[in-house]
C-alpha atoms as a PDB file:
ATOM      1  CA  MET A   1      70.665 123.897 -78.633  1.00  0.00           C
ATOM      2  CA  LYS A   2      72.417 120.644 -79.740  1.00  0.00           C
ATOM      3  CA  THR A   3      71.967 121.548 -83.324  1.00  0.00           C
ATOM      4  CA  ALA A   4      73.474 124.864 -82.600  1.00  0.00           C
ATOM      5  CA  ILE A   5      76.812 123.162 -81.128  1.00  0.00           C
ATOM      6  CA  ILE A   6      76.629 120.601 -84.119  1.00  0.00           C
ATOM      7  CA  ILE A   7      76.473 123.498 -86.712  1.00  0.00           C
ATOM      8  CA  LEU A   8      79.556 125.332 -84.919  1.00  0.00           C
ATOM      9  CA  LEU A   9      81.706 122.241 -84.508  1.00  0.00           C
ATOM     10  CA  VAL A  10      80.876 121.901 -88.764  1.00  0.00           C
ATOM     11  CA  ILE A  11      81.807 125.531 -89.204  1.00  0.00           C
ATOM     12  CA  ALA A  12      85.056 125.442 -87.103  1.00  0.00           C
ATOM     13  CA  SER A  13      85.842 122.109 -88.801  1.00  0.00           C
ATOM     14  CA  VAL A  14      85.366 123.588 -92.388  1.00  0.00           C
ATOM     15  CA  VAL A  15      87.565 126.900 -91.536  1.00  0.00           C
ATOM     16  CA  ILE A  16      90.079 124.475 -89.991  1.00  0.00           C
ATOM     17  CA  ILE A  17      90.450 122.693 -92.863  1.00  0.00           C
ATOM     18  CA  ALA A  18      90.683 125.552 -94.964  1.00  0.00           C
ATOM     19  CA  ALA A  19      93.045 127.753 -93.464  1.00  0.00           C
ATOM     20  CA  THR A  20      95.399 124.790 -93.475  1.00  0.00           C
ATOM     21  CA  LEU A  21      95.084 124.163 -97.146  1.00  0.00           C
ATOM     22  CA  MET A  22      95.553 127.789 -98.138  1.00  0.00           C
ATOM     23  CA  MET A  23      98.538 127.999 -95.956  1.00  0.00           C
ATOM     24  CA  GLU A  24     101.953 128.474 -97.600  1.00  0.00           C
ATOM     25  CA  PRO A  25     104.349 125.518 -97.413  1.00  0.00           C
ATOM     26  CA  LYS A  26     107.137 126.161 -94.805  1.00  0.00           C
ATOM     27  CA  THR A  27     110.074 124.625 -97.118  1.00  0.00           C
ATOM     28  CA  ASN A  28     113.608 126.476 -98.502  1.00  0.00           C
ATOM     29  CA  ALA A  29     112.868 125.075-101.914  1.00  0.00           C
ATOM     30  CA  GLY A  30     110.426 127.413-102.689  1.00  0.00           C
ATOM     31  CA  SER A  31     113.454 129.542-103.843  1.00  0.00           C
ATOM     32  CA  LEU A  32     114.249 127.413-106.546  1.00  0.00           C
ATOM     33  CA  PHE A  33     111.285 127.646-108.246  1.00  0.00           C
ATOM     34  CA  GLY A  34     111.132 131.149-108.137  1.00  0.00           C
ATOM     35  CA  GLN A  35     109.339 131.721-104.876  1.00  0.00           C
ATOM     36  CA  GLU A  36     109.204 135.894-103.946  1.00  0.00           C
ATOM     37  CA  SER A  37     111.459 136.544-101.046  1.00  0.00           C
ATOM     38  CA  ASN A  38     112.997 139.697 -99.569  1.00  0.00           C
ATOM     39  CA  ILE A  39     116.912 140.262 -98.668  1.00  0.00           C
ATOM     40  CA  TYR A  40     116.507 138.188 -95.645  1.00  0.00           C
ATOM     41  CA  GLY A  41     115.248 135.146 -96.926  1.00  0.00           C
ATOM     42  CA  THR A  42     111.562 135.493 -95.547  1.00  0.00           C
ATOM     43  CA  SER A  43     108.418 134.919 -97.681  1.00  0.00           C
ATOM     44  CA  VAL A  44     106.767 138.402 -98.798  1.00  0.00           C
ATOM     45  CA  HIS A  45     103.633 136.670 -98.060  1.00  0.00           C
ATOM     46  CA  ARG A  46     104.085 136.275 -94.238  1.00  0.00           C
ATOM     47  CA  PRO A  47     101.266 138.345 -93.225  1.00  0.00           C
ATOM     48  CA  LYS A  48      98.606 135.919 -94.840  1.00  0.00           C
ATOM     49  CA  ASP A  49     100.159 133.005 -92.960  1.00  0.00           C
ATOM     50  CA  ALA A  50      99.756 134.229 -89.917  1.00  0.00           C
ATOM     51  CA  LEU A  51      96.174 135.452 -90.450  1.00  0.00           C
ATOM     52  CA  LEU A  52      95.569 131.821 -91.137  1.00  0.00           C
ATOM     53  CA  ASN A  53      97.650 130.572 -88.399  1.00  0.00           C
ATOM     54  CA  LYS A  54      95.350 132.508 -85.928  1.00  0.00           C
ATOM     55  CA  MET A  55      92.514 131.761 -87.558  1.00  0.00           C
ATOM     56  CA  THR A  56      93.306 127.840 -87.464  1.00  0.00           C
ATOM     57  CA  ILE A  57      94.246 128.250 -83.778  1.00  0.00           C
ATOM     58  CA  PHE A  58      91.170 130.316 -83.008  1.00  0.00           C
ATOM     59  CA  SER A  59      89.532 127.720 -84.820  1.00  0.00           C
ATOM     60  CA  GLY A  60      90.634 124.801 -83.333  1.00  0.00           C
ATOM     61  CA  VAL A  61      89.842 126.545 -79.729  1.00  0.00           C
ATOM     62  CA  VAL A  62      86.217 126.656 -80.886  1.00  0.00           C
ATOM     63  CA  PHE A  63      86.331 123.293 -82.202  1.00  0.00           C
ATOM     64  CA  VAL A  64      87.290 121.677 -78.910  1.00  0.00           C
ATOM     65  CA  LEU A  65      84.935 123.728 -76.955  1.00  0.00           C
ATOM     66  CA  SER A  66      82.170 122.971 -78.815  1.00  0.00           C
ATOM     67  CA  LEU A  67      82.591 119.367 -78.569  1.00  0.00           C
ATOM     68  CA  ILE A  68      83.074 119.297 -75.123  1.00  0.00           C
ATOM     69  CA  ALA A  69      79.725 121.189 -74.908  1.00  0.00           C
ATOM     70  CA  LEU A  70      78.185 118.665 -76.958  1.00  0.00           C
ATOM     71  CA  LEU A  71      80.056 115.597 -75.182  1.00  0.00           C
ATOM     72  CA  ALA A  72      77.864 117.493 -72.091  1.00  0.00           C
ATOM     73  CA  LEU A  73      74.874 117.350 -73.124  1.00  0.00           C
END
């Protein structure tokens, strides 16, 4: 049981790191370097960022819960 929780903890931490690194920076300097945007000034790639944001939040919750479970054993 302890090994399964440790594996879940490692997987959650890797997903958090990967999703965070794949997110687009939230600066306005992107338009200076040719970043695509629509007429309202928001990025075209927002659905990808929304998915990565949800993955990060979900993985964070799994990480905290598995850490609490590991400490309880």
